[in-house]
Protein backbone atom coordinates (compact mmCIF):
# COMPACT_ATOMS: atom_id res chain seq x y z
CA MET A 1 -16.32 30.19 -13.40
CA ILE A 2 -19.46 28.33 -12.70
CA LYS A 3 -20.38 28.80 -8.95
CA ILE A 4 -21.67 25.43 -8.33
CA TYR A 5 -22.98 26.14 -4.78
CA LYS A 6 -25.50 28.38 -6.38
CA LEU A 7 -26.48 26.28 -9.21
CA LEU A 8 -26.69 22.84 -7.57
CA GLY A 9 -30.54 23.23 -7.07
CA LEU A 10 -31.14 24.12 -10.73
CA MET A 11 -29.07 21.18 -12.06
CA LEU A 12 -29.63 18.24 -9.87
CA PHE A 13 -32.83 17.04 -11.25
CA GLY A 14 -33.33 13.35 -11.84
CA LEU A 15 -35.97 11.46 -13.57
CA VAL A 16 -36.71 8.05 -12.10
CA GLY A 17 -38.51 5.57 -14.46
CA CYS A 18 -38.17 3.19 -17.51
CA VAL A 19 -37.04 3.82 -20.79
CA SER A 20 -39.88 4.77 -23.24
CA GLN A 21 -40.52 3.35 -26.60
CA ASN A 22 -39.07 6.67 -27.85
CA GLU A 23 -35.70 6.30 -25.97
CA VAL A 24 -32.57 4.12 -26.21
CA PHE A 25 -30.90 2.73 -23.22
CA ILE A 26 -27.17 2.06 -23.70
CA ASP A 27 -25.76 -0.31 -20.96
CA PHE A 28 -22.78 0.48 -19.03
CA THR A 29 -21.11 -2.69 -20.85
CA HIS A 30 -21.21 -0.95 -24.28
CA PRO A 31 -18.03 -1.33 -25.86
CA GLU A 32 -17.98 2.06 -27.30
CA ILE A 33 -18.39 3.59 -23.88
CA GLN A 34 -14.78 5.17 -22.87
CA TYR A 35 -13.78 4.72 -19.32
CA SER A 36 -10.68 6.47 -17.68
CA GLY A 37 -9.52 5.49 -14.41
CA ARG A 38 -9.57 2.56 -12.25
CA LEU A 39 -13.11 1.17 -12.39
CA ALA A 40 -14.63 -1.93 -10.97
CA THR A 41 -17.52 -3.31 -12.94
CA ALA A 42 -18.18 -6.72 -11.26
CA LYS A 43 -20.53 -5.71 -8.53
CA ASN A 44 -24.07 -4.14 -8.60
CA LYS A 45 -24.26 -4.59 -12.46
CA ALA A 46 -22.67 -1.06 -12.93
CA ALA A 47 -19.53 0.76 -13.23
CA GLU A 48 -18.09 1.92 -9.95
CA LEU A 49 -16.37 5.16 -9.95
CA HIS A 50 -14.09 5.84 -6.92
CA TRP A 51 -10.97 7.84 -7.76
CA SER A 52 -10.53 11.75 -8.56
CA GLY A 53 -10.63 12.28 -12.22
CA THR A 54 -12.43 9.19 -13.27
CA SER A 55 -14.50 9.87 -16.30
CA VAL A 56 -17.08 8.06 -18.62
CA LYS A 57 -17.11 9.35 -22.09
CA VAL A 58 -19.10 8.50 -25.13
CA GLN A 59 -19.63 9.74 -28.73
CA PHE A 60 -23.23 9.81 -30.06
CA GLU A 61 -25.55 11.15 -32.40
CA GLY A 62 -28.94 12.66 -30.92
CA THR A 63 -30.48 15.61 -29.31
CA SER A 64 -30.55 14.55 -25.78
CA ILE A 65 -28.90 12.17 -23.45
CA GLN A 66 -29.37 10.99 -19.75
CA ALA A 67 -27.24 9.11 -17.37
CA LEU A 68 -28.60 6.43 -14.91
CA LEU A 69 -26.52 6.93 -11.67
CA GLN A 70 -26.37 6.09 -8.01
CA ASP A 71 -24.07 7.60 -5.25
CA ASN A 72 -23.48 5.64 -1.99
CA LEU A 73 -23.14 8.66 0.15
CA GLY A 74 -24.48 11.58 -1.87
CA ASP A 75 -21.58 13.79 -1.72
CA ASN A 76 -19.75 13.32 -5.19
CA TYR A 77 -19.73 15.96 -7.66
CA TYR A 78 -19.25 15.58 -11.57
CA ASN A 79 -18.51 17.88 -14.31
CA ILE A 80 -20.84 17.24 -17.54
CA LEU A 81 -19.01 18.38 -20.62
CA ILE A 82 -20.62 18.46 -24.03
CA ASP A 83 -18.28 18.65 -26.88
CA ASN A 84 -15.55 19.50 -24.48
CA ALA A 85 -17.35 22.51 -22.84
CA LEU A 86 -18.86 22.42 -19.24
CA VAL A 87 -22.65 22.65 -19.40
CA ALA A 88 -23.53 21.43 -15.73
CA ILE A 89 -22.25 20.03 -12.60
CA ILE A 90 -24.22 17.28 -10.91
CA ARG A 91 -24.55 15.72 -7.41
CA PRO A 92 -25.73 12.16 -7.85
CA ASP A 93 -28.23 11.03 -5.11
CA SER A 94 -28.00 7.89 -3.07
CA ILE A 95 -31.33 6.86 -4.83
CA LYS A 96 -30.87 5.48 -8.22
CA LYS A 97 -32.22 7.73 -11.02
CA TYR A 98 -31.78 9.47 -14.23
CA TYR A 99 -29.96 12.73 -14.72
CA ASP A 100 -30.76 15.13 -17.67
CA LEU A 101 -27.36 15.72 -18.94
CA ALA A 102 -28.18 17.54 -22.23
CA SER A 103 -31.35 18.31 -24.27
CA ASN A 104 -32.49 20.13 -27.10
CA MET A 105 -29.03 19.91 -28.64
CA SER A 106 -28.56 20.41 -32.40
CA ALA A 107 -28.89 17.33 -34.50
CA GLY A 108 -25.77 15.44 -35.37
CA LYS A 109 -22.57 14.23 -33.67
CA HIS A 110 -21.75 15.02 -30.01
CA THR A 111 -19.24 13.90 -27.19
CA LEU A 112 -20.23 13.65 -23.57
CA GLU A 113 -18.16 13.31 -20.69
CA ILE A 114 -19.00 12.87 -17.04
CA PHE A 115 -15.85 13.67 -14.95
CA LYS A 116 -15.44 13.05 -11.29
CA ARG A 117 -14.34 16.17 -9.31
CA THR A 118 -14.32 14.77 -5.91
CA GLU A 119 -12.09 12.37 -4.10
CA TRP A 120 -12.74 8.78 -3.05
CA SER A 121 -13.40 9.92 0.38
CA LYS A 122 -16.60 11.35 -0.62
CA GLY A 123 -17.87 7.91 -1.61
CA LYS A 124 -18.21 6.01 -4.83
CA THR A 125 -20.95 6.33 -7.61
CA TYR A 126 -22.34 3.74 -9.73
CA PHE A 127 -23.04 4.19 -13.56
CA TYR A 128 -25.53 1.98 -14.94
CA GLY A 129 -25.81 3.43 -18.56
CA PHE A 130 -26.97 6.04 -20.69
CA LYS A 131 -30.57 6.99 -22.28
CA ILE A 132 -30.60 8.74 -25.68
CA ASN A 133 -33.54 10.07 -27.66
CA SER A 134 -35.23 7.85 -30.32
CA GLY A 135 -33.16 7.86 -33.45
CA GLY A 136 -30.12 8.57 -31.56
CA LYS A 137 -26.98 6.04 -31.52
CA ILE A 138 -23.52 5.59 -30.30
CA ILE A 139 -20.65 6.35 -32.54
CA PRO A 140 -17.57 4.15 -32.35
CA LYS A 141 -14.87 5.68 -30.39
CA LYS A 142 -11.49 6.43 -31.82
CA ARG A 143 -8.84 3.55 -31.96
CA ASP A 144 -5.75 5.54 -32.11
CA ASN A 145 -2.71 5.00 -30.02
CA GLN A 146 -3.57 7.53 -27.22
CA LYS A 147 -0.69 8.69 -24.95
CA LYS A 148 -1.32 7.65 -21.24
CA MET A 149 -0.59 9.52 -18.21
CA GLU A 150 -0.83 8.73 -14.43
CA PHE A 151 -0.46 10.76 -11.53
CA TYR A 152 0.12 9.93 -7.66
CA GLY A 153 -0.35 12.69 -5.32
CA ASN A 154 -2.15 14.42 -2.36
CA SER A 155 -4.54 17.17 -2.03
CA ILE A 156 -2.59 19.38 -4.47
CA THR A 157 -3.13 16.78 -7.32
CA ALA A 158 -6.70 16.19 -6.28
CA GLY A 159 -7.60 19.96 -6.77
CA TYR A 160 -8.77 20.27 -3.27
CA ALA A 161 -10.43 23.79 -2.54
CA ILE A 162 -9.46 24.78 -5.95
CA GLU A 163 -12.66 26.78 -6.38
CA ASP A 164 -12.72 28.40 -2.84
CA LEU A 165 -12.33 31.74 -4.18
CA SER A 166 -12.11 33.16 -0.58
CA GLY A 167 -8.67 31.48 0.02
CA GLY A 168 -10.34 29.94 3.02
CA ASP A 169 -9.36 26.36 2.08
CA SER A 170 -12.98 25.14 2.67
CA PRO A 171 -13.30 21.20 3.10
CA ASP A 172 -16.78 21.37 1.44
CA SER A 173 -16.67 19.05 -1.66
CA THR A 174 -18.30 21.61 -3.70
CA TYR A 175 -14.99 23.50 -3.90
CA THR A 176 -12.94 20.56 -4.97
CA ASN A 177 -12.22 19.93 -8.72
CA ASN A 178 -9.90 17.62 -10.11
CA TYR A 179 -10.53 18.76 -13.63
CA LEU A 180 -8.83 22.17 -13.05
CA SER A 181 -5.72 20.42 -11.23
CA TYR A 182 -2.28 20.86 -12.76
CA ALA A 183 -2.63 16.96 -13.48
CA ALA A 184 -5.83 16.76 -15.48
CA ILE A 185 -4.44 20.05 -17.26
CA THR A 186 -1.21 18.33 -18.17
CA ALA A 187 -3.04 15.28 -19.44
CA ARG A 188 -5.36 17.43 -21.61
CA ASN A 189 -2.61 19.02 -22.97
CA TYR A 190 -1.19 15.98 -24.74
CA GLY A 191 -4.74 14.53 -25.38
CA ALA A 192 -3.55 11.78 -23.24
CA ALA A 193 -5.60 9.06 -21.17
CA TYR A 194 -5.53 9.99 -17.50
CA GLN A 195 -5.55 8.26 -14.25
CA CYS A 196 -5.21 10.06 -10.95
CA ILE A 197 -4.28 8.37 -7.68
CA CYS A 198 -4.71 10.81 -4.97
CA LYS A 199 -6.01 11.46 -1.52
CA SER A 200 -5.90 14.52 0.52
CA GLY A 201 -3.42 14.61 3.50
CA ILE A 202 -1.64 11.44 2.14
CA GLY A 203 2.12 10.88 2.41
CA ILE A 204 4.71 8.20 1.76
CA THR A 205 5.86 7.70 5.21
CA ILE A 206 2.98 9.30 7.31
CA SER A 207 -0.48 10.87 6.38
CA TRP A 208 -2.81 12.83 8.41
CA ASP A 209 -5.17 9.78 8.25
CA PRO A 210 -4.31 6.16 8.78
CA LEU A 211 -3.23 5.28 5.05
CA ILE A 212 -0.12 6.04 3.34
CA MET A 213 0.42 5.99 -0.30
CA PRO A 214 2.51 2.83 -0.45
CA GLU A 215 -0.59 1.27 1.32
CA ILE A 216 -3.17 2.15 -1.31
CA TYR A 217 -1.32 2.88 -4.60
CA ASN A 218 -2.25 -0.81 -5.85
CA ARG A 219 -6.03 -0.77 -4.89
CA LEU A 220 -9.04 -0.79 -7.41
CA ASP A 221 -11.37 0.26 -4.49
CA PRO A 222 -9.25 2.56 -2.26
CA THR A 223 -11.29 1.78 0.65
CA ASP A 224 -10.88 -2.00 0.22
CA ALA A 225 -7.55 -3.50 1.16
CA ALA A 226 -8.54 -6.89 -0.62
CA SER A 227 -9.47 -4.97 -3.93
CA LEU A 228 -6.37 -4.96 -6.03
CA TRP A 229 -5.81 -3.20 -9.29
CA ASP A 230 -4.31 -5.08 -12.13
CA PHE A 231 -1.64 -2.91 -13.43
CA LYS A 232 -1.71 -4.56 -16.86
CA ASN A 233 -4.91 -2.97 -17.48
CA TYR A 234 -3.32 0.56 -17.78
CA GLN A 235 0.31 0.83 -18.70
CA PRO A 236 1.16 4.76 -18.81
CA ASP A 237 3.82 6.26 -20.88
CA VAL A 238 4.34 9.04 -18.26
CA VAL A 239 3.88 8.69 -14.42
CA VAL A 240 4.02 11.76 -12.14
CA VAL A 241 4.70 11.35 -8.50
CA ASN A 242 4.01 14.53 -6.45
CA LEU A 243 4.46 13.46 -2.76
CA PHE A 244 6.14 14.19 0.49
CA GLN A 245 4.35 17.67 1.13
CA ASN A 246 2.34 16.03 3.97
CA ASP A 247 5.44 14.06 5.44
CA SER A 248 7.24 17.49 5.75
CA TRP A 249 4.74 18.86 8.00
CA LEU A 250 3.87 15.70 10.08
CA VAL A 251 7.38 14.73 10.92
CA LYS A 252 7.56 17.93 12.90
CA LEU A 253 4.34 16.95 15.00
CA PRO A 254 5.44 14.36 17.71
CA ASP A 255 2.08 14.63 19.58
CA HIS A 256 0.09 13.84 16.43
CA VAL A 257 -1.68 10.28 16.64
CA GLU A 258 -0.09 9.29 13.36
CA PHE A 259 3.38 10.36 14.17
CA LYS A 260 3.30 8.01 17.44
CA ARG A 261 1.94 5.22 15.31
CA ARG A 262 4.25 5.31 12.52
CA PHE A 263 7.41 6.65 14.29
CA GLY A 264 7.03 6.19 18.06
CA ASN A 265 8.63 9.10 19.90
CA LYS A 266 11.50 9.92 17.55
CA ALA A 267 11.20 11.71 14.23
CA PRO A 268 12.70 9.64 11.14
CA ASP A 269 16.06 10.46 10.06
CA ASP A 270 17.29 11.31 6.50
CA ALA A 271 18.20 7.99 5.55
CA TYR A 272 14.71 6.80 6.52
CA LEU A 273 13.01 9.22 4.38
CA ILE A 274 15.19 8.86 1.45
CA ASN A 275 14.82 4.85 1.56
CA ALA A 276 11.00 5.31 2.02
CA TYR A 277 10.50 7.40 -1.00
CA GLN A 278 13.08 5.08 -3.09
CA GLU A 279 11.32 1.91 -1.99
CA PHE A 280 8.01 3.26 -3.12
CA ILE A 281 9.15 4.59 -6.61
CA ALA A 282 10.97 1.21 -7.05
CA LYS A 283 7.50 -0.33 -6.62
CA LEU A 284 6.02 1.75 -9.49
CA ARG A 285 9.07 0.97 -11.59
CA LYS A 286 8.21 -2.94 -11.16
CA GLN A 287 4.74 -2.34 -12.32
CA TYR A 288 5.46 -0.02 -15.11
CA PRO A 289 8.94 -1.33 -16.64
CA ASN A 290 8.67 1.15 -19.74
CA ALA A 291 7.23 4.29 -18.26
CA HIS A 292 9.01 7.60 -17.73
CA ILE A 293 8.62 8.45 -14.14
CA ILE A 294 8.73 12.08 -12.89
CA ASN A 295 9.40 12.52 -9.47
CA ALA A 296 7.99 16.06 -8.65
CA LEU A 297 7.32 18.35 -5.91
CA GLY A 298 5.26 21.52 -5.66
CA SER A 299 3.97 23.95 -5.40
CA MET A 300 3.75 24.47 -1.45
CA ASP A 301 6.55 24.84 0.96
CA ALA A 302 8.36 21.44 0.50
CA ALA A 303 9.17 22.49 -2.99
CA LYS A 304 11.13 25.69 -1.81
CA GLU A 305 14.93 26.21 -3.07
CA GLY A 306 17.02 24.71 -0.38
CA SER A 307 14.30 22.39 0.94
CA LYS A 308 15.73 19.16 2.34
CA TRP A 309 12.81 17.39 0.80
CA ARG A 310 13.89 18.10 -2.58
CA MET A 311 17.15 16.70 -1.68
CA TYR A 312 15.57 13.47 -0.44
CA ILE A 313 13.90 12.79 -3.65
CA GLU A 314 16.95 13.79 -5.79
CA THR A 315 18.93 11.33 -3.85
CA ALA A 316 16.45 8.37 -4.00
CA VAL A 317 16.37 9.13 -7.78
CA THR A 318 20.15 9.07 -8.16
CA ASN A 319 20.36 5.77 -6.10
CA LEU A 320 17.88 4.08 -8.50
CA LYS A 321 20.22 4.57 -11.44
CA ASP A 322 17.39 4.64 -13.93
CA ASN A 323 17.69 6.56 -17.14
CA LYS A 324 13.84 6.89 -17.45
CA MET A 325 13.36 8.49 -14.21
CA TYR A 326 13.54 12.13 -13.35
CA THR A 327 13.10 15.07 -10.96
CA HIS A 328 11.18 18.02 -11.44
CA PHE A 329 10.50 20.70 -8.77
CA MET A 330 7.41 23.08 -9.72
CA PRO A 331 7.87 26.65 -8.51
CA TYR A 332 7.03 27.42 -4.83
CA ILE A 333 3.88 29.63 -4.76
CA PRO A 334 3.73 31.26 -1.30
CA ALA A 335 0.10 30.92 -0.03
CA SER A 336 -1.81 30.46 3.15
CA ALA A 337 -4.05 27.96 1.47
CA HIS A 338 -4.06 25.23 -1.22
CA PRO A 339 -2.97 26.19 -4.81
CA SER A 340 -5.58 28.25 -6.62
CA ILE A 341 -6.87 27.74 -10.36
CA GLN A 342 -3.98 30.19 -11.46
CA ASP A 343 -1.54 28.15 -9.38
CA HIS A 344 -2.50 24.94 -10.97
CA GLU A 345 -2.17 26.62 -14.41
CA GLU A 346 1.24 27.68 -13.53
CA MET A 347 2.22 24.21 -12.18
CA ALA A 348 0.76 22.84 -15.34
CA GLU A 349 2.85 24.97 -17.48
CA SER A 350 6.00 24.14 -15.59
CA LEU A 351 5.48 20.54 -15.96
CA ILE A 352 4.48 20.67 -19.45
CA GLN A 353 7.67 22.67 -20.32
CA PHE A 354 9.71 20.04 -18.48
CA ILE A 355 8.15 17.00 -20.28
CA ASP A 356 8.66 18.84 -23.76
CA LYS A 357 12.17 19.32 -23.04
CA SER A 358 13.14 15.99 -21.35
CA ILE A 359 11.03 13.32 -22.66
CA ASP A 360 10.56 11.85 -26.18
CA TRP A 361 7.17 10.10 -26.10
């Protein structure tokens, strides 16, 4: 594994300047650039990358490639993959500049992907375009009928602290890596397009922070309540919802500010929690009339055998009477911190086995 906290100083070199006569600029609007995730493009004459797992991908011929980027906070990290291999991790600056993504490559065809490791709470990044060496060119992307997946989740789905090998659950954004999450692993297993709508600490009825998932699931820019996503832009074949872990903790904390704001002085009863989950899943079904929806839970303690949170999900799904709706509980993995890389691999294996057994897509 690359220890990014040691490599950042080597990899964060940006070259500010204009495109020379020996280079070709590819604007972010180029039709052969492939985007994954919810991206806004109307403002700032750039593609805005917010959500975890958002990516920019291009196939090209050339020996070097750079990207023109700018981050609004300077605390986002991106995996740089060339021909599906991790070659660097970059942290875009708040100053607009070029970043060397690859150079001195062998002549021929290559695939480049810029993948957002971090969460939207770390800010957004503006992508303006690529610069490739003279003689290089963009290759048309594949036009096949790619499968599509979408995930709704919390810090587990985000890959929070996944690379904190100390087990200390560090909030430092260098340790978060959505690329290694069970969600991204599962999508790659199927060669599927990937969207990830997640936020650490979020729940369905209550969160550690003010927003709950039913309040942001339909946003393009998660920080802007007026910025609404057009669900027609992306109709997934399979949707995976992995929520309720944070709810399970917070309903036991009557002194927490969010408990008081959401529930007053009395914890919600079973019927309230079941109905809240059911209403959220019904909203997703309205947006995705043909999708298979997997209502999952795992791998922290809400997923334990006998957990009432499993029962809430099972009851809600039963009430919805939908033959393309499922429950799947990933194995509970006892730990004092968020799931590790190995834990995520086990979760992905569990989910993939369930999909292969249960869904024909």
